[in-house]
Protein backbone atom coordinates (compact mmCIF):
# COMPACT_ATOMS: atom_id res chain seq x y z
CA MET A 1 5.66 -8.56 16.29
CA SER A 2 8.60 -6.83 17.29
CA GLY A 3 11.20 -8.18 19.64
CA SER A 4 13.03 -5.97 22.83
CA GLN A 5 13.04 -2.27 21.84
CA PRO A 6 14.97 0.57 23.62
CA PRO A 7 13.10 2.90 25.89
CA GLY A 8 11.51 5.70 24.31
CA ARG A 9 11.24 4.13 21.14
CA GLY A 10 8.02 5.16 18.82
CA LEU A 11 5.89 2.52 17.15
CA TYR A 12 5.48 1.66 13.76
CA VAL A 13 1.68 0.95 12.62
CA SER A 14 0.69 -0.16 9.60
CA LEU A 15 -2.04 -1.58 7.46
CA LEU A 16 -2.68 -4.03 4.68
CA GLY A 17 -6.03 -4.85 2.47
CA ILE A 18 -7.05 -4.79 -0.77
CA ASP A 19 -8.17 -1.26 -2.64
CA GLY A 20 -11.03 0.47 -1.53
CA ILE A 21 -11.71 -1.65 1.62
CA GLY A 22 -11.42 1.67 4.05
CA LYS A 23 -7.76 1.58 5.06
CA SER A 24 -7.26 5.42 4.81
CA SER A 25 -10.47 6.11 6.90
CA LEU A 26 -9.00 3.66 9.41
CA ALA A 27 -5.39 5.27 9.53
CA GLN A 28 -6.85 8.74 9.58
CA ARG A 29 -9.23 7.97 12.47
CA LEU A 30 -6.42 6.39 14.53
CA THR A 31 -4.10 9.37 13.60
CA ARG A 32 -6.61 11.72 15.10
CA ASP A 33 -7.25 9.70 18.12
CA LEU A 34 -3.66 9.38 19.01
CA ARG A 35 -3.12 12.85 18.70
CA GLU A 36 -6.01 13.93 20.62
CA ARG A 37 -4.28 11.80 23.42
CA GLY A 38 -1.22 13.48 23.14
CA LEU A 39 1.01 11.48 21.47
CA LYS A 40 3.09 12.46 18.45
CA VAL A 41 2.13 10.85 15.20
CA LEU A 42 3.59 10.87 11.90
CA PRO A 43 1.33 9.45 9.16
CA LEU A 44 3.44 8.61 6.37
CA SER A 45 3.36 7.07 2.70
CA TRP A 46 6.28 7.11 0.25
CA ARG A 47 4.00 9.54 -1.83
CA ASP A 48 3.80 11.76 1.14
CA CYS A 49 7.50 12.25 1.08
CA LEU A 50 8.06 13.12 -2.29
CA ASP A 51 6.96 16.73 -1.12
CA ALA A 52 7.96 16.79 2.29
CA GLN A 53 11.10 18.77 4.11
CA LEU A 54 13.51 15.78 3.48
CA PRO A 55 17.16 16.46 2.59
CA GLY A 56 18.24 15.55 -0.90
CA TRP A 57 19.11 12.30 0.33
CA PRO A 58 16.49 10.47 0.58
CA GLN A 59 14.24 12.52 -1.02
CA GLN A 60 16.00 12.81 -4.53
CA ALA A 61 16.37 8.83 -4.48
CA LEU A 62 12.75 8.28 -3.34
CA ARG A 63 11.46 10.71 -6.32
CA THR A 64 13.48 8.76 -8.72
CA MET A 65 12.33 5.78 -7.63
CA TRP A 66 8.72 6.86 -7.67
CA MET A 67 8.84 7.67 -10.75
CA ASP A 68 10.80 4.91 -12.30
CA THR A 69 8.03 2.34 -10.98
CA TYR A 70 5.41 4.12 -13.26
CA ARG A 71 7.79 4.29 -16.07
CA LEU A 72 8.57 0.47 -15.72
CA MET A 73 4.94 -0.51 -15.44
CA PHE A 74 3.61 1.89 -18.47
CA GLY A 75 6.29 1.81 -20.25
CA SER A 76 5.57 -1.21 -23.02
CA THR A 77 1.80 -0.33 -22.83
CA ILE A 78 -0.02 1.41 -25.70
CA ASP A 79 -2.44 4.33 -25.24
CA GLN A 80 -4.19 5.70 -28.55
CA GLY A 81 -1.65 3.81 -30.64
CA GLN A 82 1.64 5.07 -28.76
CA HIS A 83 3.58 3.93 -26.33
CA ILE A 84 3.36 5.68 -22.95
CA ALA A 85 5.88 8.84 -22.20
CA LEU A 86 6.51 10.01 -18.73
CA PRO A 87 8.47 12.93 -17.77
CA GLU A 88 12.18 12.27 -16.57
CA ARG A 89 12.36 15.41 -13.73
CA TYR A 90 10.29 15.22 -10.98
CA ALA A 91 9.61 19.12 -11.37
CA ASP A 92 8.17 18.21 -15.00
CA TRP A 93 6.19 14.92 -13.31
CA VAL A 94 4.57 17.26 -11.20
CA GLU A 95 3.58 20.09 -13.85
CA GLU A 96 2.48 17.63 -16.02
CA ARG A 97 0.15 15.76 -13.74
CA ALA A 98 1.76 12.78 -14.53
CA GLU A 99 -0.26 10.20 -12.02
CA GLU A 100 -3.30 11.95 -12.74
CA ARG A 101 -2.89 11.31 -16.45
CA LEU A 102 -2.50 7.99 -15.64
CA SER A 103 -5.47 7.19 -13.96
CA GLU A 104 -7.14 8.42 -17.40
CA LEU A 105 -5.62 5.97 -19.67
CA ALA A 106 -7.06 3.41 -21.46
CA ALA A 107 -4.04 1.44 -21.78
CA THR A 108 -3.93 -1.81 -23.94
CA PRO A 109 -1.61 -4.59 -22.24
CA SER A 110 1.87 -4.76 -22.07
CA SER A 111 3.61 -7.41 -24.43
CA ALA A 112 5.62 -8.46 -22.07
CA THR A 113 6.26 -9.30 -17.98
CA THR A 114 9.60 -7.26 -17.85
CA GLY A 115 8.03 -4.02 -16.89
CA PRO A 116 5.82 -5.09 -14.05
CA LEU A 117 8.29 -7.48 -12.66
CA ALA A 118 11.45 -4.43 -12.42
CA ALA A 119 8.98 -2.41 -11.67
CA ALA A 120 8.42 -4.39 -8.39
CA MET A 121 12.16 -4.79 -7.81
CA VAL A 122 12.25 -1.09 -7.67
CA GLU A 123 9.45 -0.53 -5.46
CA PHE A 124 11.18 -2.79 -3.12
CA ALA A 125 14.29 -1.10 -3.09
CA GLY A 126 12.30 2.30 -2.77
CA ASN A 127 10.88 0.93 0.58
CA LEU A 128 14.01 -0.14 2.05
CA VAL A 129 15.13 3.60 1.67
CA LEU A 130 11.72 4.67 3.21
CA TYR A 131 12.36 2.50 6.37
CA SER A 132 16.22 3.12 6.90
CA GLU A 133 15.93 6.69 6.06
CA VAL A 134 12.42 8.12 7.46
CA ILE A 135 10.56 5.64 9.17
CA ARG A 136 13.32 4.03 11.41
CA PRO A 137 14.67 7.85 12.57
CA ALA A 138 11.00 9.04 13.10
CA LEU A 139 10.61 5.50 15.72
CA GLU A 140 13.96 6.77 17.23
CA ARG A 141 12.35 10.01 17.88
CA GLY A 142 9.66 8.44 19.85
CA GLU A 143 7.11 9.15 17.35
CA ILE A 144 4.05 6.66 16.32
CA VAL A 145 4.45 6.03 12.58
CA VAL A 146 1.14 5.35 11.20
CA GLN A 147 1.14 3.92 7.62
CA GLU A 148 -1.95 3.41 5.81
CA THR A 149 -0.74 0.77 3.37
CA PHE A 150 1.88 -1.54 4.28
CA PRO A 151 4.16 -1.55 0.91
CA TYR A 152 3.98 -5.40 0.67
CA LYS A 153 0.89 -4.65 -1.14
CA HIS A 154 2.45 -2.72 -4.28
CA VAL A 155 5.26 -5.01 -4.65
CA LEU A 156 2.84 -8.11 -4.65
CA LYS A 157 0.36 -6.39 -7.04
CA GLU A 158 3.26 -5.64 -9.49
CA TYR A 159 4.51 -9.35 -9.23
CA LEU A 160 0.74 -10.49 -9.73
CA LEU A 161 0.55 -8.04 -12.94
CA ALA A 162 3.70 -9.78 -14.25
CA VAL A 163 2.36 -13.15 -13.44
CA TYR A 164 -0.98 -12.37 -15.41
CA ALA A 165 0.77 -11.02 -18.45
CA ALA A 166 2.80 -14.16 -18.81
CA ASN A 167 0.22 -16.54 -18.32
CA ARG A 168 -2.04 -14.42 -20.69
CA THR A 169 0.64 -14.29 -23.54
CA GLY A 170 2.30 -17.46 -22.99
CA THR A 171 5.37 -15.87 -24.48
CA GLY A 172 7.93 -13.22 -23.13
CA ALA A 173 11.50 -13.44 -21.30
CA TYR A 174 10.20 -15.05 -18.11
CA HIS A 175 7.81 -17.59 -17.12
CA PRO A 176 5.71 -17.61 -13.70
CA GLN A 177 7.69 -20.57 -12.33
CA GLU A 178 10.81 -18.13 -13.06
CA ILE A 179 9.50 -14.99 -11.27
CA ASP A 180 8.56 -16.79 -7.69
CA PRO A 181 12.40 -17.08 -6.77
CA LEU A 182 12.57 -13.27 -6.92
CA PHE A 183 9.72 -12.54 -5.32
CA THR A 184 10.00 -14.79 -2.28
CA PRO A 185 13.11 -13.13 -0.62
CA MET A 186 11.21 -9.64 -1.03
CA GLU A 187 8.09 -11.14 0.89
CA GLU A 188 10.56 -12.42 3.58
CA PHE A 189 12.10 -9.19 4.46
CA PHE A 190 8.57 -7.62 4.25
CA GLY A 191 7.83 -9.95 7.00
CA GLY A 192 11.16 -9.65 8.75
CA PRO A 193 12.82 -6.17 9.08
CA LEU A 194 10.47 -4.42 7.36
CA ASN A 195 7.70 -5.85 9.52
CA PRO A 196 5.84 -3.54 11.47
CA ASP A 197 5.19 -3.05 15.36
CA VAL A 198 1.52 -3.49 14.95
CA GLY A 199 0.33 -4.54 11.63
CA VAL A 200 -3.62 -5.10 11.12
CA PHE A 201 -4.92 -6.96 7.94
CA VAL A 202 -8.15 -5.25 6.86
CA ASP A 203 -9.95 -8.20 5.15
CA GLY A 204 -13.27 -7.57 3.22
CA PRO A 205 -14.97 -8.92 0.25
CA PRO A 206 -13.50 -7.17 -2.97
CA GLU A 207 -17.21 -6.65 -4.40
CA LEU A 208 -17.98 -4.61 -1.42
CA ALA A 209 -14.50 -2.85 -1.89
CA LEU A 210 -15.36 -2.29 -5.52
CA GLU A 211 -19.13 -0.62 -4.56
CA TRP A 212 -17.42 1.34 -2.13
CA ARG A 213 -14.87 2.29 -4.83
CA LEU A 214 -17.43 3.29 -7.36
CA LYS A 215 -19.42 5.22 -4.89
CA GLN A 216 -16.47 7.40 -4.17
CA SER A 217 -14.92 7.92 -7.58
CA GLY A 218 -17.02 6.22 -9.98
CA GLN A 219 -13.73 4.08 -11.30
CA VAL A 220 -11.21 2.09 -10.37
CA GLY A 221 -8.06 3.18 -10.81
CA VAL A 222 -5.28 2.26 -13.59
CA MET A 223 -3.40 0.26 -11.02
CA GLU A 224 -6.63 -1.49 -9.38
CA ASP A 225 -7.80 -3.93 -12.06
CA LEU A 226 -5.81 -5.82 -14.37
CA ARG A 227 -5.90 -3.69 -18.06
CA ILE A 228 -2.33 -3.78 -18.58
CA ALA A 229 -2.56 -7.82 -18.03
CA GLY A 230 -5.35 -7.53 -20.74
CA GLU A 231 -8.38 -7.70 -18.31
CA PRO A 232 -9.88 -4.18 -17.63
CA GLY A 233 -12.75 -2.97 -15.62
CA PHE A 234 -14.77 -4.45 -13.06
CA ASP A 235 -13.99 -8.32 -13.47
CA GLY A 236 -10.24 -7.61 -13.57
CA PHE A 237 -10.70 -4.85 -10.10
CA VAL A 238 -12.43 -8.56 -8.34
CA ARG A 239 -9.97 -10.99 -9.94
CA LEU A 240 -6.77 -9.09 -9.08
CA GLN A 241 -8.16 -7.86 -5.54
CA SER A 242 -9.19 -11.56 -4.77
CA GLU A 243 -5.77 -12.83 -5.23
CA CYS A 244 -4.49 -10.13 -3.11
CA ALA A 245 -6.67 -10.59 -0.55
CA ARG A 246 -5.69 -14.42 -0.63
CA ARG A 247 -2.14 -13.66 -0.51
CA PHE A 248 -2.27 -10.85 2.26
CA LEU A 249 -4.46 -13.00 4.50
CA GLU A 250 -1.45 -15.71 4.16
CA PHE A 251 1.12 -13.02 4.97
CA ALA A 252 -0.56 -11.88 8.18
CA ARG A 253 -1.04 -15.42 9.70
CA LYS A 254 2.57 -16.04 9.01
CA TYR A 255 4.19 -12.71 10.08
CA GLY A 256 1.72 -12.36 13.07
CA TRP A 257 -0.63 -9.91 11.95
CA GLN A 258 -4.04 -8.94 13.74
CA ARG A 259 -7.12 -9.12 11.23
CA HIS A 260 -9.71 -6.82 11.14
CA GLU A 261 -12.84 -7.91 9.39
CA VAL A 262 -14.69 -5.26 7.06
CA ARG A 263 -18.63 -5.78 6.80
CA ASP A 264 -21.41 -4.28 5.17
CA ALA A 265 -22.40 -1.79 7.34
CA PRO A 266 -21.52 1.97 8.11
CA ALA A 267 -18.08 3.21 7.66
CA ASP A 268 -18.07 4.53 11.27
CA SER A 269 -19.14 1.27 12.18
CA ASN A 270 -16.36 -0.79 10.57
CA VAL A 271 -13.74 2.06 11.66
CA ARG A 272 -14.73 1.69 15.20
CA ARG A 273 -13.84 -1.89 15.47
CA GLY A 274 -10.94 -1.29 13.59
CA LEU A 275 -9.79 1.07 15.89
CA ASP A 276 -10.30 -0.98 18.64
CA ILE A 277 -8.17 -3.67 17.38
CA LEU A 278 -5.33 -1.14 16.87
CA LEU A 279 -5.67 0.41 20.14
CA ALA A 280 -5.65 -2.83 21.71
CA GLU A 281 -2.55 -3.81 20.03
CA ILE A 282 -0.57 -0.55 20.79
CA SER A 283 -1.63 -0.87 24.58
CA ARG A 284 -0.33 -4.24 24.78
CA LEU A 285 2.93 -3.21 23.41
CA ARG A 286 2.72 0.27 25.18
CA PRO A 287 1.10 0.01 28.07
CA HIS A 288 2.01 2.73 29.91
CA TRP A 289 0.66 4.87 27.17
CA GLN A 290 -2.90 3.72 28.93
CA LEU A 291 -5.04 3.97 25.70
CA GLY A 292 -7.84 1.97 26.62
CA ARG A 293 -10.16 1.49 24.06
CA CYS A 294 -12.08 3.99 21.52
CA ALA A 295 -15.32 4.50 23.18
CA GLY A 296 -16.19 7.90 22.76
CA VAL A 297 -15.07 7.95 19.22
CA ALA A 298 -17.28 10.71 17.48
CA ALA A 299 -19.73 9.20 15.24
CA GLU A 300 -19.39 10.89 11.65
CA PRO A 301 -19.59 10.26 8.02
CA ALA A 302 -16.27 8.57 6.91
CA GLU A 303 -15.34 7.65 3.30
CA PRO A 304 -14.16 4.63 2.09
CA GLU A 305 -10.51 4.55 1.27
């Protein structure tokens, strides 16, 4: 997907797909496989950077924007009759297990589109910093960056939650047709300067992802259904994830991503097929690495994402 690159540059690999469809399992297997071949790999997410050994810049900015996305998403929601309050300082955020507490909320919907829409903008800004200050330097050092979730996913979800909230209430400062002009340039930037060298869309039915998610944790996450837009639970999960999958496929086709179709089969079978796709793309861009295919990958249980 990328143009000419300087000799010795690493490779940016990222996966896109709905919640629970198996991206984490595939990214972990790819990381292990590449390391076993003697290559230097950096598994990376924004969350990883919050506690990594990074200098004050960019770490402080990443921490602040990470917390702000949650504060914006949930600031106007109600839990047990009160607005949700989240810590301001990162040390308090960690000590009070803020993200874990959010996963336990039975939050009632936001009354406006403002929170999710503003969260999408902050999420986008955070990933501008992540790419320029963490991903690109790793590539310049010759490392392979493996990102289990391409951040376009999170920005899209927050945008969709804003749209669903606006459609539900029929009121608020912003209507769906007014939101699109804000989202479109962010989407184009993900497909341009932020687009990885190797992108694979992990595609599969939301119903299957829901089944795997429930086997894994017994519930769907607070950001995985439409609860803050008034539709919690399994139906809200399938509706949100179905729309995400449709938009992911459009994005993948437009920006030259490969597609890996997940089947209702043993997890390791899906991982093997996905790994072959990834290794083939990496080999095409870096033939001197002589990766070949993943025949010989050890068969072992792999938990869904």
